[in-house]
């Protein structure tokens, strides 16, 4: 039924997971920003900075676990630290 590699069950599963994880991370990003900016009256730039990082780190951990199937905690934390450092330099 699924002869084409782009329509394989695993490809579709990963595509759907990427979408769900992306929406979840974006929701966290917005939620943290809204909470910090609206209720705690934190500057919008700082609230945005914190919200983006929360969303990106959540996306990193969820994708590591569910799409890339990494289960060992320490290497994931070390990779997340390196990822965060690179992300900070890119800003």
PDB file of N, CA and C in Angstrom:
ATOM      1  N   UNK A   1       0.812  -1.199   0.000  1.00  0.00           N
ATOM      2  CA  UNK A   1       0.000   0.000   0.000  1.00  0.00           C
ATOM      3  C   UNK A   1       0.854   1.261   0.000  1.00  0.00           C
ATOM      4  N   UNK A   2       1.904   1.306   0.840  1.00  0.00           N
ATOM      5  CA  UNK A   2       2.770   2.468   0.924  1.00  0.00           C
ATOM      6  C   UNK A   2       4.105   2.151   0.264  1.00  0.00           C
ATOM      7  N   UNK A   3       4.159   2.182  -1.066  1.00  0.00           N
ATOM      8  CA  UNK A   3       5.386   1.890  -1.786  1.00  0.00           C
ATOM      9  C   UNK A   3       6.322   3.091  -1.816  1.00  0.00           C
ATOM     10  N   UNK A   4       5.782   4.270  -1.910  1.00  0.00           N
ATOM     11  CA  UNK A   4       6.588   5.475  -1.988  1.00  0.00           C
ATOM     12  C   UNK A   4       7.179   5.775  -0.616  1.00  0.00           C
ATOM     13  N   UNK A   5       8.512   6.033  -0.580  1.00  0.00           N
ATOM     14  CA  UNK A   5       9.148   6.282   0.722  1.00  0.00           C
ATOM     15  C   UNK A   5       8.650   7.558   1.386  1.00  0.00           C
ATOM     16  N   UNK A   6       8.117   8.492   0.598  1.00  0.00           N
ATOM     17  CA  UNK A   6       7.611   9.732   1.184  1.00  0.00           C
ATOM     18  C   UNK A   6       6.222   9.556   1.780  1.00  0.00           C
ATOM     19  N   UNK A   7       5.574   8.462   1.467  1.00  0.00           N
ATOM     20  CA  UNK A   7       4.255   8.208   2.018  1.00  0.00           C
ATOM     21  C   UNK A   7       4.254   6.998   2.944  1.00  0.00           C
ATOM     22  N   UNK A   8       5.426   6.622   3.411  1.00  0.00           N
ATOM     23  CA  UNK A   8       5.503   5.467   4.302  1.00  0.00           C
ATOM     24  C   UNK A   8       4.863   5.804   5.643  1.00  0.00           C
ATOM     25  N   UNK A   9       4.482   4.782   6.366  1.00  0.00           N
ATOM     26  CA  UNK A   9       3.852   4.987   7.671  1.00  0.00           C
ATOM     27  C   UNK A   9       4.777   5.721   8.629  1.00  0.00           C
ATOM     28  N   UNK A  10       6.061   5.366   8.602  1.00  0.00           N
ATOM     29  CA  UNK A  10       7.011   6.024   9.509  1.00  0.00           C
ATOM     30  C   UNK A  10       7.174   7.497   9.158  1.00  0.00           C
ATOM     31  N   UNK A  11       7.241   7.818   7.870  1.00  0.00           N
ATOM     32  CA  UNK A  11       7.359   9.215   7.450  1.00  0.00           C
ATOM     33  C   UNK A  11       6.141  10.014   7.906  1.00  0.00           C
ATOM     34  N   UNK A  12       4.954   9.482   7.667  1.00  0.00           N
ATOM     35  CA  UNK A  12       3.734  10.181   8.076  1.00  0.00           C
ATOM     36  C   UNK A  12       3.644  10.325   9.587  1.00  0.00           C
ATOM     37  N   UNK A  13       4.066   9.279  10.323  1.00  0.00           N
ATOM     38  CA  UNK A  13       4.080   9.341  11.780  1.00  0.00           C
ATOM     39  C   UNK A  13       4.993  10.465  12.255  1.00  0.00           C
ATOM     40  N   UNK A  14       6.210  10.519  11.696  1.00  0.00           N
ATOM     41  CA  UNK A  14       7.157  11.564  12.091  1.00  0.00           C
ATOM     42  C   UNK A  14       6.656  12.950  11.709  1.00  0.00           C
ATOM     43  N   UNK A  15       6.041  13.065  10.548  1.00  0.00           N
ATOM     44  CA  UNK A  15       5.505  14.354  10.111  1.00  0.00           C
ATOM     45  C   UNK A  15       4.421  14.846  11.073  1.00  0.00           C
ATOM     46  N   UNK A  16       3.529  13.949  11.449  1.00  0.00           N
ATOM     47  CA  UNK A  16       2.469  14.311  12.398  1.00  0.00           C
ATOM     48  C   UNK A  16       3.064  14.652  13.759  1.00  0.00           C
ATOM     49  N   UNK A  17       4.049  13.877  14.212  1.00  0.00           N
ATOM     50  CA  UNK A  17       4.693  14.176  15.500  1.00  0.00           C
ATOM     51  C   UNK A  17       5.393  15.528  15.474  1.00  0.00           C
ATOM     52  N   UNK A  18       6.104  15.836  14.381  1.00  0.00           N
ATOM     53  CA  UNK A  18       6.743  17.149  14.267  1.00  0.00           C
ATOM     54  C   UNK A  18       5.698  18.257  14.383  1.00  0.00           C
ATOM     55  N   UNK A  19       4.565  18.073  13.737  1.00  0.00           N
ATOM     56  CA  UNK A  19       3.505  19.073  13.811  1.00  0.00           C
ATOM     57  C   UNK A  19       2.961  19.235  15.217  1.00  0.00           C
ATOM     58  N   UNK A  20       2.677  18.117  15.878  1.00  0.00           N
ATOM     59  CA  UNK A  20       2.144  18.173  17.250  1.00  0.00           C
ATOM     60  C   UNK A  20       3.156  18.812  18.192  1.00  0.00           C
ATOM     61  N   UNK A  21       4.420  18.404  18.061  1.00  0.00           N
ATOM     62  CA  UNK A  21       5.467  18.964  18.926  1.00  0.00           C
ATOM     63  C   UNK A  21       5.656  20.449  18.633  1.00  0.00           C
ATOM     64  N   UNK A  22       5.605  20.835  17.370  1.00  0.00           N
ATOM     65  CA  UNK A  22       5.742  22.249  17.013  1.00  0.00           C
ATOM     66  C   UNK A  22       4.629  23.103  17.594  1.00  0.00           C
ATOM     67  N   UNK A  23       3.397  22.624  17.500  1.00  0.00           N
ATOM     68  CA  UNK A  23       2.257  23.366  18.055  1.00  0.00           C
ATOM     69  C   UNK A  23       2.367  23.438  19.579  1.00  0.00           C
ATOM     70  N   UNK A  24       2.786  22.338  20.204  1.00  0.00           N
ATOM     71  CA  UNK A  24       2.957  22.329  21.664  1.00  0.00           C
ATOM     72  C   UNK A  24       4.026  23.319  22.098  1.00  0.00           C
ATOM     73  N   UNK A  25       5.159  23.321  21.394  1.00  0.00           N
ATOM     74  CA  UNK A  25       6.255  24.241  21.734  1.00  0.00           C
ATOM     75  C   UNK A  25       5.840  25.697  21.509  1.00  0.00           C
ATOM     76  N   UNK A  26       5.138  25.954  20.416  1.00  0.00           N
ATOM     77  CA  UNK A  26       4.676  27.321  20.141  1.00  0.00           C
ATOM     78  C   UNK A  26       3.664  27.775  21.193  1.00  0.00           C
ATOM     79  N   UNK A  27       2.823  26.855  21.638  1.00  0.00           N
ATOM     80  CA  UNK A  27       1.847  27.182  22.688  1.00  0.00           C
ATOM     81  C   UNK A  27       2.551  27.516  23.999  1.00  0.00           C
ATOM     82  N   UNK A  28       3.578  26.737  24.331  1.00  0.00           N
ATOM     83  CA  UNK A  28       4.349  27.038  25.539  1.00  0.00           C
ATOM     84  C   UNK A  28       5.031  28.395  25.405  1.00  0.00           C
ATOM     85  N   UNK A  29       5.636  28.647  24.254  1.00  0.00           N
ATOM     86  CA  UNK A  29       6.296  29.928  23.993  1.00  0.00           C
ATOM     87  C   UNK A  29       5.324  31.078  24.237  1.00  0.00           C
ATOM     88  N   UNK A  30       4.146  31.009  23.628  1.00  0.00           N
ATOM     89  CA  UNK A  30       3.159  32.068  23.790  1.00  0.00           C
ATOM     90  C   UNK A  30       2.663  32.152  25.228  1.00  0.00           C
ATOM     91  N   UNK A  31       2.430  30.998  25.849  1.00  0.00           N
ATOM     92  CA  UNK A  31       1.936  30.980  27.223  1.00  0.00           C
ATOM     93  C   UNK A  31       2.909  31.604  28.205  1.00  0.00           C
ATOM     94  N   UNK A  32       4.182  31.276  28.072  1.00  0.00           N
ATOM     95  CA  UNK A  32       5.202  31.856  28.953  1.00  0.00           C
ATOM     96  C   UNK A  32       5.300  33.356  28.712  1.00  0.00           C
ATOM     97  N   UNK A  33       5.320  33.752  27.441  1.00  0.00           N
ATOM     98  CA  UNK A  33       5.374  35.182  27.125  1.00  0.00           C
ATOM     99  C   UNK A  33       4.182  35.917  27.728  1.00  0.00           C
ATOM    100  N   UNK A  34       2.984  35.378  27.527  1.00  0.00           N
ATOM    101  CA  UNK A  34       1.776  36.027  28.025  1.00  0.00           C
ATOM    102  C   UNK A  34       1.783  36.129  29.550  1.00  0.00           C
ATOM    103  N   UNK A  35       2.168  35.044  30.212  1.00  0.00           N
ATOM    104  CA  UNK A  35       2.230  35.038  31.672  1.00  0.00           C
ATOM    105  C   UNK A  35       3.230  36.069  32.187  1.00  0.00           C
ATOM    106  N   UNK A  36       4.431  36.058  31.620  1.00  0.00           N
ATOM    107  CA  UNK A  36       5.466  36.983  32.095  1.00  0.00           C
ATOM    108  C   UNK A  36       5.118  38.427  31.783  1.00  0.00           C
ATOM    109  N   UNK A  37       4.617  38.684  30.586  1.00  0.00           N
ATOM    110  CA  UNK A  37       4.360  40.055  30.172  1.00  0.00           C
ATOM    111  C   UNK A  37       3.082  40.622  30.775  1.00  0.00           C
ATOM    112  N   UNK A  38       2.030  39.846  30.805  1.00  0.00           N
ATOM    113  CA  UNK A  38       0.738  40.362  31.255  1.00  0.00           C
ATOM    114  C   UNK A  38       0.588  40.347  32.771  1.00  0.00           C
ATOM    115  N   UNK A  39       0.868  39.214  33.374  1.00  0.00           N
ATOM    116  CA  UNK A  39       0.615  39.084  34.808  1.00  0.00           C
ATOM    117  C   UNK A  39       1.790  39.549  35.664  1.00  0.00           C
ATOM    118  N   UNK A  40       3.001  39.285  35.234  1.00  0.00           N
ATOM    119  CA  UNK A  40       4.169  39.674  36.040  1.00  0.00           C
ATOM    120  C   UNK A  40       4.786  40.992  35.590  1.00  0.00           C
ATOM    121  N   UNK A  41       4.227  41.598  34.527  1.00  0.00           N
ATOM    122  CA  UNK A  41       4.655  42.907  34.034  1.00  0.00           C
ATOM    123  C   UNK A  41       6.154  42.956  33.682  1.00  0.00           C
ATOM    124  N   UNK A  42       6.651  41.872  33.138  1.00  0.00           N
ATOM    125  CA  UNK A  42       8.053  41.830  32.708  1.00  0.00           C
ATOM    126  C   UNK A  42       8.133  42.406  31.303  1.00  0.00           C
ATOM    127  N   UNK A  43       9.214  43.108  31.034  1.00  0.00           N
ATOM    128  CA  UNK A  43       9.451  43.724  29.732  1.00  0.00           C
ATOM    129  C   UNK A  43       9.176  42.714  28.619  1.00  0.00           C
ATOM    130  N   UNK A  44       8.530  43.174  27.533  1.00  0.00           N
ATOM    131  CA  UNK A  44       8.139  42.258  26.454  1.00  0.00           C
ATOM    132  C   UNK A  44       9.329  41.586  25.773  1.00  0.00           C
ATOM    133  N   UNK A  45      10.461  42.262  25.697  1.00  0.00           N
ATOM    134  CA  UNK A  45      11.634  41.653  25.053  1.00  0.00           C
ATOM    135  C   UNK A  45      12.203  40.519  25.906  1.00  0.00           C
ATOM    136  N   UNK A  46      12.274  40.732  27.203  1.00  0.00           N
ATOM    137  CA  UNK A  46      12.757  39.686  28.104  1.00  0.00           C
ATOM    138  C   UNK A  46      11.758  38.528  28.162  1.00  0.00           C
ATOM    139  N   UNK A  47      10.464  38.843  28.228  1.00  0.00           N
ATOM    140  CA  UNK A  47       9.442  37.802  28.251  1.00  0.00           C
ATOM    141  C   UNK A  47       9.479  36.984  26.968  1.00  0.00           C
ATOM    142  N   UNK A  48       9.673  37.649  25.840  1.00  0.00           N
ATOM    143  CA  UNK A  48       9.776  36.954  24.557  1.00  0.00           C
ATOM    144  C   UNK A  48      11.018  36.065  24.522  1.00  0.00           C
ATOM    145  N   UNK A  49      12.136  36.565  25.009  1.00  0.00           N
ATOM    146  CA  UNK A  49      13.389  35.809  25.054  1.00  0.00           C
ATOM    147  C   UNK A  49      13.213  34.527  25.867  1.00  0.00           C
ATOM    148  N   UNK A  50      12.616  34.658  27.037  1.00  0.00           N
ATOM    149  CA  UNK A  50      12.397  33.493  27.908  1.00  0.00           C
ATOM    150  C   UNK A  50      11.396  32.534  27.263  1.00  0.00           C
ATOM    151  N   UNK A  51      10.325  33.058  26.700  1.00  0.00           N
ATOM    152  CA  UNK A  51       9.313  32.214  26.067  1.00  0.00           C
ATOM    153  C   UNK A  51       9.859  31.423  24.896  1.00  0.00           C
ATOM    154  N   UNK A  52      10.626  32.078  24.046  1.00  0.00           N
ATOM    155  CA  UNK A  52      11.222  31.388  22.901  1.00  0.00           C
ATOM    156  C   UNK A  52      12.123  30.260  23.362  1.00  0.00           C
ATOM    157  N   UNK A  53      12.952  30.527  24.359  1.00  0.00           N
ATOM    158  CA  UNK A  53      13.876  29.495  24.839  1.00  0.00           C
ATOM    159  C   UNK A  53      13.133  28.327  25.475  1.00  0.00           C
ATOM    160  N   UNK A  54      12.070  28.607  26.190  1.00  0.00           N
ATOM    161  CA  UNK A  54      11.271  27.512  26.762  1.00  0.00           C
ATOM    162  C   UNK A  54      10.676  26.651  25.653  1.00  0.00           C
ATOM    163  N   UNK A  55      10.130  27.280  24.631  1.00  0.00           N
ATOM    164  CA  UNK A  55       9.547  26.552  23.511  1.00  0.00           C
ATOM    165  C   UNK A  55      10.567  25.743  22.737  1.00  0.00           C
ATOM    166  N   UNK A  56      11.711  26.335  22.476  1.00  0.00           N
ATOM    167  CA  UNK A  56      12.756  25.635  21.718  1.00  0.00           C
ATOM    168  C   UNK A  56      13.292  24.447  22.515  1.00  0.00           C
ATOM    169  N   UNK A  57      13.525  24.632  23.804  1.00  0.00           N
ATOM    170  CA  UNK A  57      14.030  23.517  24.615  1.00  0.00           C
ATOM    171  C   UNK A  57      12.998  22.401  24.744  1.00  0.00           C
ATOM    172  N   UNK A  58      11.720  22.757  24.893  1.00  0.00           N
ATOM    173  CA  UNK A  58      10.689  21.726  24.933  1.00  0.00           C
ATOM    174  C   UNK A  58      10.661  20.963  23.608  1.00  0.00           C
ATOM    175  N   UNK A  59      10.723  21.680  22.510  1.00  0.00           N
ATOM    176  CA  UNK A  59      10.743  21.048  21.194  1.00  0.00           C
ATOM    177  C   UNK A  59      11.953  20.132  21.052  1.00  0.00           C
ATOM    178  N   UNK A  60      13.103  20.589  21.511  1.00  0.00           N
ATOM    179  CA  UNK A  60      14.319  19.780  21.438  1.00  0.00           C
ATOM    180  C   UNK A  60      14.147  18.471  22.202  1.00  0.00           C
ATOM    181  N   UNK A  61      13.678  18.559  23.449  1.00  0.00           N
ATOM    182  CA  UNK A  61      13.532  17.352  24.264  1.00  0.00           C
ATOM    183  C   UNK A  61      12.457  16.416  23.713  1.00  0.00           C
ATOM    184  N   UNK A  62      11.320  16.958  23.284  1.00  0.00           N
ATOM    185  CA  UNK A  62      10.262  16.103  22.757  1.00  0.00           C
ATOM    186  C   UNK A  62      10.680  15.435  21.444  1.00  0.00           C
ATOM    187  N   UNK A  63      11.323  16.194  20.553  1.00  0.00           N
ATOM    188  CA  UNK A  63      11.796  15.594  19.306  1.00  0.00           C
ATOM    189  C   UNK A  63      12.884  14.561  19.565  1.00  0.00           C
ATOM    190  N   UNK A  64      13.772  14.837  20.526  1.00  0.00           N
ATOM    191  CA  UNK A  64      14.808  13.858  20.860  1.00  0.00           C
ATOM    192  C   UNK A  64      14.190  12.556  21.335  1.00  0.00           C
ATOM    193  N   UNK A  65      13.162  12.665  22.131  1.00  0.00           N
ATOM    194  CA  UNK A  65      12.547  11.476  22.729  1.00  0.00           C
ATOM    195  C   UNK A  65      11.643  10.731  21.750  1.00  0.00           C
ATOM    196  N   UNK A  66      10.778  11.453  21.052  1.00  0.00           N
ATOM    197  CA  UNK A  66       9.747  10.788  20.259  1.00  0.00           C
ATOM    198  C   UNK A  66      10.094  10.633  18.779  1.00  0.00           C
ATOM    199  N   UNK A  67      10.815  11.568  18.180  1.00  0.00           N
ATOM    200  CA  UNK A  67      11.154  11.425  16.765  1.00  0.00           C
ATOM    201  C   UNK A  67      12.503  10.748  16.566  1.00  0.00           C
ATOM    202  N   UNK A  68      13.462  11.060  17.420  1.00  0.00           N
ATOM    203  CA  UNK A  68      14.795  10.484  17.257  1.00  0.00           C
ATOM    204  C   UNK A  68      15.045   9.340  18.213  1.00  0.00           C
ATOM    205  N   UNK A  69      14.088   9.095  19.100  1.00  0.00           N
ATOM    206  CA  UNK A  69      14.086   7.944  20.012  1.00  0.00           C
ATOM    207  C   UNK A  69      15.329   7.852  20.897  1.00  0.00           C
ATOM    208  N   UNK A  70      15.803   8.993  21.364  1.00  0.00           N
ATOM    209  CA  UNK A  70      16.911   9.002  22.312  1.00  0.00           C
ATOM    210  C   UNK A  70      16.337   8.911  23.715  1.00  0.00           C
ATOM    211  N   UNK A  71      16.863   7.977  24.510  1.00  0.00           N
ATOM    212  CA  UNK A  71      16.313   7.775  25.851  1.00  0.00           C
ATOM    213  C   UNK A  71      17.333   8.026  26.953  1.00  0.00           C
ATOM    214  N   UNK A  72      18.605   8.035  26.638  1.00  0.00           N
ATOM    215  CA  UNK A  72      19.605   8.268  27.674  1.00  0.00           C
ATOM    216  C   UNK A  72      19.597   9.745  28.037  1.00  0.00           C
ATOM    217  N   UNK A  73      19.429  10.044  29.304  1.00  0.00           N
ATOM    218  CA  UNK A  73      19.195  11.422  29.753  1.00  0.00           C
ATOM    219  C   UNK A  73      20.435  12.288  29.644  1.00  0.00           C
ATOM    220  N   UNK A  74      21.587  11.815  30.110  1.00  0.00           N
ATOM    221  CA  UNK A  74      22.758  12.689  30.152  1.00  0.00           C
ATOM    222  C   UNK A  74      23.187  13.184  28.779  1.00  0.00           C
ATOM    223  N   UNK A  75      23.295  12.300  27.751  1.00  0.00           N
ATOM    224  CA  UNK A  75      23.677  12.843  26.438  1.00  0.00           C
ATOM    225  C   UNK A  75      22.677  13.856  25.904  1.00  0.00           C
ATOM    226  N   UNK A  76      21.388  13.670  26.191  1.00  0.00           N
ATOM    227  CA  UNK A  76      20.383  14.622  25.716  1.00  0.00           C
ATOM    228  C   UNK A  76      20.576  15.968  26.405  1.00  0.00           C
ATOM    229  N   UNK A  77      20.853  15.947  27.699  1.00  0.00           N
ATOM    230  CA  UNK A  77      21.076  17.203  28.427  1.00  0.00           C
ATOM    231  C   UNK A  77      22.321  17.906  27.903  1.00  0.00           C
ATOM    232  N   UNK A  78      23.372  17.146  27.634  1.00  0.00           N
ATOM    233  CA  UNK A  78      24.600  17.729  27.100  1.00  0.00           C
ATOM    234  C   UNK A  78      24.337  18.321  25.711  1.00  0.00           C
ATOM    235  N   UNK A  79      23.601  17.618  24.868  1.00  0.00           N
ATOM    236  CA  UNK A  79      23.251  18.136  23.546  1.00  0.00           C
ATOM    237  C   UNK A  79      22.389  19.386  23.666  1.00  0.00           C
ATOM    238  N   UNK A  80      21.456  19.392  24.603  1.00  0.00           N
ATOM    239  CA  UNK A  80      20.592  20.562  24.796  1.00  0.00           C
ATOM    240  C   UNK A  80      21.412  21.768  25.233  1.00  0.00           C
ATOM    241  N   UNK A  81      22.393  21.539  26.083  1.00  0.00           N
ATOM    242  CA  UNK A  81      23.257  22.642  26.518  1.00  0.00           C
ATOM    243  C   UNK A  81      24.022  23.218  25.326  1.00  0.00           C
ATOM    244  N   UNK A  82      24.567  22.352  24.485  1.00  0.00           N
ATOM    245  CA  UNK A  82      25.291  22.818  23.299  1.00  0.00           C
ATOM    246  C   UNK A  82      24.339  23.533  22.338  1.00  0.00           C
ATOM    247  N   UNK A  83      23.160  22.978  22.165  1.00  0.00           N
ATOM    248  CA  UNK A  83      22.156  23.583  21.298  1.00  0.00           C
ATOM    249  C   UNK A  83      21.791  24.982  21.800  1.00  0.00           C
ATOM    250  N   UNK A  84      21.599  25.111  23.109  1.00  0.00           N
ATOM    251  CA  UNK A  84      21.253  26.410  23.695  1.00  0.00           C
ATOM    252  C   UNK A  84      22.375  27.417  23.516  1.00  0.00           C
ATOM    253  N   UNK A  85      23.609  26.964  23.667  1.00  0.00           N
ATOM    254  CA  UNK A  85      24.747  27.866  23.485  1.00  0.00           C
ATOM    255  C   UNK A  85      24.822  28.377  22.053  1.00  0.00           C
ATOM    256  N   UNK A  86      24.589  27.489  21.111  1.00  0.00           N
ATOM    257  CA  UNK A  86      24.604  27.893  19.697  1.00  0.00           C
ATOM    258  C   UNK A  86      23.446  28.855  19.420  1.00  0.00           C
ATOM    259  N   UNK A  87      22.287  28.558  19.970  1.00  0.00           N
ATOM    260  CA  UNK A  87      21.122  29.402  19.769  1.00  0.00           C
ATOM    261  C   UNK A  87      21.361  30.796  20.356  1.00  0.00           C
ATOM    262  N   UNK A  88      22.012  30.873  21.509  1.00  0.00           N
ATOM    263  CA  UNK A  88      22.304  32.165  22.131  1.00  0.00           C
ATOM    264  C   UNK A  88      23.258  32.984  21.277  1.00  0.00           C
ATOM    265  N   UNK A  89      24.218  32.322  20.649  1.00  0.00           N
ATOM    266  CA  UNK A  89      25.166  33.030  19.798  1.00  0.00           C
ATOM    267  C   UNK A  89      24.519  33.523  18.510  1.00  0.00           C
ATOM    268  N   UNK A  90      23.483  32.814  18.071  1.00  0.00           N
ATOM    269  CA  UNK A  90      22.805  33.201  16.829  1.00  0.00           C
ATOM    270  C   UNK A  90      21.922  34.429  17.028  1.00  0.00           C
ATOM    271  N   UNK A  91      21.544  34.727  18.219  1.00  0.00           N
ATOM    272  CA  UNK A  91      20.664  35.880  18.484  1.00  0.00           C
ATOM    273  C   UNK A  91      21.408  37.145  18.392  1.00  0.00           C
TER     274      UNK A  91
END
